[in-house]
Structures are given as C-alpha cells and as structure tokens.
Amino acid sequence: MKIDPQLLEFAKSMRQTATDAESLMWQVLRAKRFMDLKFRRQHVIEPYIVDFYCHEIGLVVELDGGQHGTDDAIEYDAERTKFLEALDLKVVRYWNHDVLERMDVLLEELLNIYLKLKVN
C-alpha cells in the first residue's frame, strides 16, 4: 500500500522543525542508543504521523506541548491513541517539559515498558 506523498512530505518537514523536547528525545533514541532498538521519528502510520516509532516492539512515543491540553486536543489524542492501539501498538505520551526536565524518569519508564513488551 502506497503512503500518501503529502503525508510523507509533511513528516519530513516536521523532522526539520523539531521542538527542543523532540530533539532531546531523538538524541536518546536514535542510532539504537536505547536498548539497541531502532526508532523512527515523525513516522507515518496512516492517517497519522507519530513522533517516535519502534516497529520491533510496537511502541509509539508521543511528545505533547501545551496545545494538547485543550478539550479538542484531548479528544483528538484519545481517538488517535485508540486507532493506534487497534493496530496492536503500545502508545505512551509525555509532556515536553517532562522530557526536558525529567528525562531520567522517562527513560526508566520506557525501560519498564520495553521489558513488558519484550516478554509478550
């Protein structure tokens, strides 16, 4: 199945305009630095673009800024998560400020998620 070229182009532009939190998370996840897992960033899973995706364990990591706190965004994110979980993917969400200020805590949580997913 061919992916919508406009979606691919938008994902590419998102990679080039990453937030500080996305850049920091990418430094941790890229090049198999986390548990020797290959992550992709701004990866298309139609009709969505996810922030970080690891195919090997079916993990989606989403980073949220303040705009995700509105009622509409909360509803949209819930629908999106439900869609991705229906594809048998595990979705975790982190606030940008947590990535920037508490990376050690997030990495410990990701390690625990990895260990659970690896067992299943």
N, C-alpha and C. Protein backbone atom coordinates (compact mmCIF):
# COMPACT_ATOMS: atom_id res chain seq x y z
N MET A 1 0.84 -1.18 0.00
CA MET A 1 0.00 0.00 0.00
C MET A 1 0.89 1.25 0.00
N LYS A 2 0.61 2.14 -0.91
CA LYS A 2 1.42 3.35 -1.04
C LYS A 2 0.94 4.41 -0.05
N ILE A 3 1.91 5.04 0.61
CA ILE A 3 1.59 6.09 1.57
C ILE A 3 1.41 7.41 0.84
N ASP A 4 0.43 8.18 1.29
CA ASP A 4 0.13 9.50 0.72
C ASP A 4 1.41 10.34 0.68
N PRO A 5 1.84 10.76 -0.51
CA PRO A 5 3.08 11.54 -0.63
C PRO A 5 3.04 12.86 0.14
N GLN A 6 1.86 13.49 0.26
CA GLN A 6 1.76 14.74 1.02
C GLN A 6 2.02 14.49 2.51
N LEU A 7 1.55 13.35 3.00
CA LEU A 7 1.78 12.99 4.39
C LEU A 7 3.28 12.75 4.63
N LEU A 8 3.93 12.08 3.69
CA LEU A 8 5.37 11.85 3.80
C LEU A 8 6.15 13.16 3.79
N GLU A 9 5.73 14.08 2.94
CA GLU A 9 6.40 15.38 2.86
C GLU A 9 6.20 16.18 4.14
N PHE A 10 4.99 16.11 4.71
CA PHE A 10 4.71 16.80 5.96
C PHE A 10 5.55 16.21 7.10
N ALA A 11 5.68 14.88 7.13
CA ALA A 11 6.51 14.23 8.15
C ALA A 11 7.96 14.70 8.03
N LYS A 12 8.44 14.80 6.81
CA LYS A 12 9.81 15.27 6.57
C LYS A 12 9.99 16.69 7.10
N SER A 13 9.02 17.56 6.82
CA SER A 13 9.13 18.94 7.29
C SER A 13 9.07 19.00 8.81
N MET A 14 8.30 18.10 9.43
CA MET A 14 8.23 18.06 10.90
C MET A 14 9.58 17.64 11.51
N ARG A 15 10.28 16.75 10.81
CA ARG A 15 11.61 16.35 11.30
C ARG A 15 12.57 17.53 11.29
N GLN A 16 12.39 18.41 10.31
CA GLN A 16 13.29 19.56 10.17
C GLN A 16 12.95 20.70 11.12
N THR A 17 11.76 20.67 11.72
CA THR A 17 11.35 21.75 12.63
C THR A 17 10.99 21.18 14.00
N ALA A 18 11.81 20.27 14.48
CA ALA A 18 11.55 19.59 15.75
C ALA A 18 11.58 20.57 16.92
N THR A 19 10.77 20.28 17.93
CA THR A 19 10.80 21.06 19.16
C THR A 19 12.06 20.67 19.95
N ASP A 20 12.39 21.45 20.97
CA ASP A 20 13.54 21.12 21.82
C ASP A 20 13.36 19.74 22.45
N ALA A 21 12.15 19.45 22.89
CA ALA A 21 11.88 18.16 23.52
C ALA A 21 12.06 17.02 22.52
N GLU A 22 11.56 17.20 21.30
CA GLU A 22 11.71 16.17 20.27
C GLU A 22 13.18 15.95 19.93
N SER A 23 13.93 17.03 19.83
CA SER A 23 15.37 16.91 19.54
C SER A 23 16.10 16.15 20.64
N LEU A 24 15.78 16.47 21.88
CA LEU A 24 16.42 15.78 23.00
C LEU A 24 16.04 14.30 23.03
N MET A 25 14.76 14.00 22.85
CA MET A 25 14.32 12.60 22.84
C MET A 25 14.98 11.85 21.69
N TRP A 26 15.12 12.49 20.54
CA TRP A 26 15.75 11.84 19.39
C TRP A 26 17.21 11.53 19.68
N GLN A 27 17.90 12.41 20.39
CA GLN A 27 19.30 12.15 20.75
C GLN A 27 19.42 10.89 21.60
N VAL A 28 18.40 10.63 22.40
CA VAL A 28 18.40 9.44 23.28
C VAL A 28 18.01 8.18 22.50
N LEU A 29 17.07 8.29 21.58
CA LEU A 29 16.52 7.11 20.90
C LEU A 29 17.23 6.75 19.60
N ARG A 30 17.86 7.72 18.95
CA ARG A 30 18.41 7.48 17.61
C ARG A 30 19.58 6.50 17.64
N ALA A 31 19.84 5.92 16.49
CA ALA A 31 21.01 5.05 16.28
C ALA A 31 21.10 3.92 17.30
N LYS A 32 19.94 3.39 17.64
CA LYS A 32 19.85 2.23 18.56
C LYS A 32 20.50 2.49 19.92
N ARG A 33 20.46 3.74 20.38
CA ARG A 33 21.07 4.09 21.67
C ARG A 33 20.25 3.61 22.85
N PHE A 34 18.96 3.38 22.66
CA PHE A 34 18.10 2.92 23.74
C PHE A 34 17.78 1.45 23.53
N MET A 35 18.33 0.60 24.38
CA MET A 35 18.07 -0.84 24.37
C MET A 35 18.31 -1.48 23.00
N ASP A 36 19.19 -0.89 22.21
CA ASP A 36 19.54 -1.41 20.89
C ASP A 36 18.31 -1.51 19.97
N LEU A 37 17.32 -0.65 20.20
CA LEU A 37 16.10 -0.65 19.40
C LEU A 37 16.17 0.43 18.33
N LYS A 38 15.66 0.12 17.15
CA LYS A 38 15.62 1.10 16.07
C LYS A 38 14.32 1.90 16.17
N PHE A 39 14.46 3.19 16.35
CA PHE A 39 13.31 4.10 16.37
C PHE A 39 13.32 4.95 15.12
N ARG A 40 12.13 5.29 14.64
CA ARG A 40 11.96 6.25 13.56
C ARG A 40 11.28 7.46 14.17
N ARG A 41 11.58 8.64 13.64
CA ARG A 41 10.89 9.84 14.14
C ARG A 41 10.01 10.41 13.06
N GLN A 42 8.90 11.03 13.50
CA GLN A 42 7.89 11.55 12.59
C GLN A 42 7.56 10.50 11.53
N HIS A 43 7.12 9.34 12.03
CA HIS A 43 6.84 8.19 11.18
C HIS A 43 5.36 8.14 10.83
N VAL A 44 5.08 7.91 9.55
CA VAL A 44 3.69 7.85 9.08
C VAL A 44 3.08 6.49 9.39
N ILE A 45 1.97 6.53 10.13
CA ILE A 45 1.09 5.38 10.29
C ILE A 45 -0.28 5.94 9.92
N GLU A 46 -0.62 5.80 8.64
CA GLU A 46 -1.79 6.49 8.10
C GLU A 46 -3.03 6.23 8.93
N PRO A 47 -3.78 7.30 9.17
CA PRO A 47 -3.69 8.65 8.63
C PRO A 47 -2.87 9.61 9.51
N TYR A 48 -2.06 9.07 10.41
CA TYR A 48 -1.35 9.90 11.38
C TYR A 48 0.16 9.91 11.15
N ILE A 49 0.81 10.86 11.80
CA ILE A 49 2.26 10.90 11.89
C ILE A 49 2.57 10.83 13.38
N VAL A 50 3.32 9.80 13.78
CA VAL A 50 3.66 9.65 15.20
C VAL A 50 5.06 10.21 15.43
N ASP A 51 5.30 10.70 16.64
CA ASP A 51 6.59 11.33 16.94
C ASP A 51 7.74 10.34 16.85
N PHE A 52 7.62 9.21 17.56
CA PHE A 52 8.68 8.19 17.56
C PHE A 52 8.02 6.82 17.50
N TYR A 53 8.62 5.93 16.70
CA TYR A 53 8.02 4.61 16.49
C TYR A 53 9.11 3.55 16.45
N CYS A 54 8.89 2.48 17.22
CA CYS A 54 9.76 1.32 17.18
C CYS A 54 8.94 0.12 16.71
N HIS A 55 9.18 -0.30 15.48
CA HIS A 55 8.44 -1.42 14.88
C HIS A 55 8.69 -2.72 15.64
N GLU A 56 9.93 -2.93 16.05
CA GLU A 56 10.34 -4.19 16.68
C GLU A 56 9.46 -4.57 17.87
N ILE A 57 9.10 -3.59 18.70
CA ILE A 57 8.27 -3.90 19.87
C ILE A 57 6.89 -3.23 19.79
N GLY A 58 6.58 -2.58 18.67
CA GLY A 58 5.27 -1.97 18.50
C GLY A 58 5.00 -0.83 19.46
N LEU A 59 5.99 0.06 19.61
CA LEU A 59 5.89 1.16 20.56
C LEU A 59 5.86 2.51 19.86
N VAL A 60 4.88 3.33 20.26
CA VAL A 60 4.75 4.70 19.77
C VAL A 60 4.98 5.62 20.96
N VAL A 61 5.90 6.58 20.81
CA VAL A 61 6.16 7.57 21.85
C VAL A 61 5.74 8.93 21.29
N GLU A 62 4.79 9.56 21.98
CA GLU A 62 4.28 10.86 21.57
C GLU A 62 4.71 11.91 22.59
N LEU A 63 5.16 13.06 22.11
CA LEU A 63 5.53 14.18 22.97
C LEU A 63 4.50 15.29 22.77
N ASP A 64 3.99 15.80 23.88
CA ASP A 64 2.92 16.78 23.82
C ASP A 64 3.33 18.10 24.42
N GLY A 65 3.04 19.18 23.69
CA GLY A 65 3.21 20.53 24.22
C GLY A 65 1.89 21.00 24.81
N GLY A 66 1.86 22.24 25.25
CA GLY A 66 0.69 22.80 25.89
C GLY A 66 -0.58 22.76 25.06
N GLN A 67 -0.44 22.79 23.73
CA GLN A 67 -1.62 22.77 22.86
C GLN A 67 -2.41 21.48 23.01
N HIS A 68 -1.81 20.45 23.59
CA HIS A 68 -2.50 19.17 23.77
C HIS A 68 -3.40 19.16 25.01
N GLY A 69 -3.42 20.27 25.75
CA GLY A 69 -4.23 20.34 26.96
C GLY A 69 -5.65 20.84 26.73
N THR A 70 -5.98 21.26 25.52
CA THR A 70 -7.33 21.74 25.25
C THR A 70 -8.29 20.56 25.12
N ASP A 71 -9.58 20.81 25.32
CA ASP A 71 -10.57 19.74 25.23
C ASP A 71 -10.56 19.07 23.87
N ASP A 72 -10.48 19.87 22.79
CA ASP A 72 -10.46 19.30 21.44
C ASP A 72 -9.24 18.42 21.23
N ALA A 73 -8.09 18.89 21.70
CA ALA A 73 -6.85 18.12 21.51
C ALA A 73 -6.89 16.83 22.33
N ILE A 74 -7.43 16.90 23.53
CA ILE A 74 -7.53 15.70 24.38
C ILE A 74 -8.40 14.66 23.69
N GLU A 75 -9.51 15.10 23.11
CA GLU A 75 -10.41 14.20 22.39
C GLU A 75 -9.71 13.61 21.16
N TYR A 76 -9.04 14.47 20.39
CA TYR A 76 -8.32 14.03 19.19
C TYR A 76 -7.23 13.01 19.56
N ASP A 77 -6.46 13.31 20.59
CA ASP A 77 -5.39 12.41 21.02
C ASP A 77 -5.96 11.06 21.48
N ALA A 78 -7.10 11.08 22.15
CA ALA A 78 -7.73 9.84 22.60
C ALA A 78 -8.16 8.99 21.41
N GLU A 79 -8.75 9.62 20.38
CA GLU A 79 -9.15 8.90 19.16
C GLU A 79 -7.93 8.32 18.46
N ARG A 80 -6.91 9.10 18.38
CA ARG A 80 -5.66 8.70 17.73
C ARG A 80 -5.02 7.51 18.46
N THR A 81 -4.99 7.59 19.78
CA THR A 81 -4.44 6.50 20.59
C THR A 81 -5.26 5.22 20.40
N LYS A 82 -6.58 5.36 20.40
CA LYS A 82 -7.46 4.21 20.20
C LYS A 82 -7.19 3.55 18.84
N PHE A 83 -7.03 4.37 17.80
CA PHE A 83 -6.73 3.86 16.46
C PHE A 83 -5.41 3.09 16.46
N LEU A 84 -4.37 3.67 17.06
CA LEU A 84 -3.05 3.04 17.07
C LEU A 84 -3.06 1.76 17.91
N GLU A 85 -3.78 1.78 19.03
CA GLU A 85 -3.88 0.58 19.87
C GLU A 85 -4.63 -0.54 19.15
N ALA A 86 -5.57 -0.17 18.28
CA ALA A 86 -6.29 -1.17 17.49
C ALA A 86 -5.36 -1.87 16.51
N LEU A 87 -4.24 -1.23 16.20
CA LEU A 87 -3.21 -1.84 15.34
C LEU A 87 -2.22 -2.65 16.19
N ASP A 88 -2.56 -2.84 17.46
CA ASP A 88 -1.74 -3.59 18.41
C ASP A 88 -0.44 -2.87 18.76
N LEU A 89 -0.50 -1.54 18.79
CA LEU A 89 0.66 -0.74 19.17
C LEU A 89 0.47 -0.23 20.59
N LYS A 90 1.55 -0.11 21.32
CA LYS A 90 1.54 0.49 22.65
C LYS A 90 1.88 1.97 22.48
N VAL A 91 1.02 2.85 23.00
CA VAL A 91 1.22 4.29 22.86
C VAL A 91 1.51 4.88 24.23
N VAL A 92 2.61 5.62 24.33
CA VAL A 92 2.91 6.36 25.57
C VAL A 92 3.06 7.83 25.21
N ARG A 93 2.58 8.67 26.11
CA ARG A 93 2.61 10.12 25.89
C ARG A 93 3.37 10.78 27.01
N TYR A 94 4.20 11.75 26.65
CA TYR A 94 4.94 12.53 27.63
C TYR A 94 4.79 14.00 27.30
N TRP A 95 4.72 14.83 28.34
CA TRP A 95 4.71 16.27 28.15
C TRP A 95 6.13 16.74 27.80
N ASN A 96 6.22 17.72 26.94
CA ASN A 96 7.53 18.27 26.55
C ASN A 96 8.36 18.67 27.77
N HIS A 97 7.73 19.34 28.76
CA HIS A 97 8.50 19.80 29.92
C HIS A 97 9.06 18.63 30.72
N ASP A 98 8.38 17.47 30.70
CA ASP A 98 8.92 16.29 31.39
C ASP A 98 10.14 15.75 30.67
N VAL A 99 10.11 15.79 29.34
CA VAL A 99 11.27 15.35 28.56
C VAL A 99 12.47 16.24 28.88
N LEU A 100 12.22 17.54 28.95
CA LEU A 100 13.31 18.49 29.17
C LEU A 100 13.82 18.50 30.61
N GLU A 101 12.96 18.17 31.57
CA GLU A 101 13.33 18.31 32.97
C GLU A 101 13.48 16.99 33.73
N ARG A 102 12.89 15.90 33.19
CA ARG A 102 12.89 14.64 33.94
C ARG A 102 13.20 13.45 33.04
N MET A 103 14.16 13.61 32.13
CA MET A 103 14.47 12.56 31.17
C MET A 103 14.81 11.24 31.86
N ASP A 104 15.51 11.30 32.99
CA ASP A 104 15.89 10.07 33.68
C ASP A 104 14.65 9.26 34.09
N VAL A 105 13.62 9.94 34.55
CA VAL A 105 12.37 9.27 34.96
C VAL A 105 11.68 8.66 33.75
N LEU A 106 11.64 9.41 32.65
CA LEU A 106 11.02 8.91 31.43
C LEU A 106 11.74 7.68 30.89
N LEU A 107 13.06 7.72 30.92
CA LEU A 107 13.83 6.58 30.41
C LEU A 107 13.61 5.34 31.27
N GLU A 108 13.48 5.53 32.56
CA GLU A 108 13.20 4.39 33.44
C GLU A 108 11.82 3.81 33.11
N GLU A 109 10.86 4.68 32.87
CA GLU A 109 9.52 4.22 32.50
C GLU A 109 9.56 3.50 31.15
N LEU A 110 10.28 4.06 30.18
CA LEU A 110 10.40 3.41 28.87
C LEU A 110 11.09 2.05 28.98
N LEU A 111 12.07 1.95 29.86
CA LEU A 111 12.73 0.66 30.08
C LEU A 111 11.73 -0.36 30.60
N ASN A 112 10.90 0.04 31.57
CA ASN A 112 9.88 -0.88 32.11
C ASN A 112 8.87 -1.28 31.04
N ILE A 113 8.47 -0.35 30.20
CA ILE A 113 7.54 -0.65 29.10
C ILE A 113 8.20 -1.62 28.13
N TYR A 114 9.46 -1.36 27.79
CA TYR A 114 10.22 -2.25 26.89
C TYR A 114 10.24 -3.68 27.45
N LEU A 115 10.56 -3.80 28.74
CA LEU A 115 10.66 -5.13 29.35
C LEU A 115 9.31 -5.85 29.31
N LYS A 116 8.22 -5.15 29.54
CA LYS A 116 6.89 -5.74 29.47
C LYS A 116 6.55 -6.17 28.04
N LEU A 117 6.85 -5.31 27.08
CA LEU A 117 6.55 -5.62 25.68
C LEU A 117 7.39 -6.77 25.16
N LYS A 118 8.62 -6.82 25.60
CA LYS A 118 9.55 -7.87 25.16
C LYS A 118 9.09 -9.23 25.64
N VAL A 119 8.52 -9.28 26.84
CA VAL A 119 8.03 -10.54 27.42
C VAL A 119 6.83 -11.06 26.64
N ASN A 120 5.97 -10.16 26.18
CA ASN A 120 4.72 -10.58 25.49
C ASN A 120 4.94 -11.02 24.08
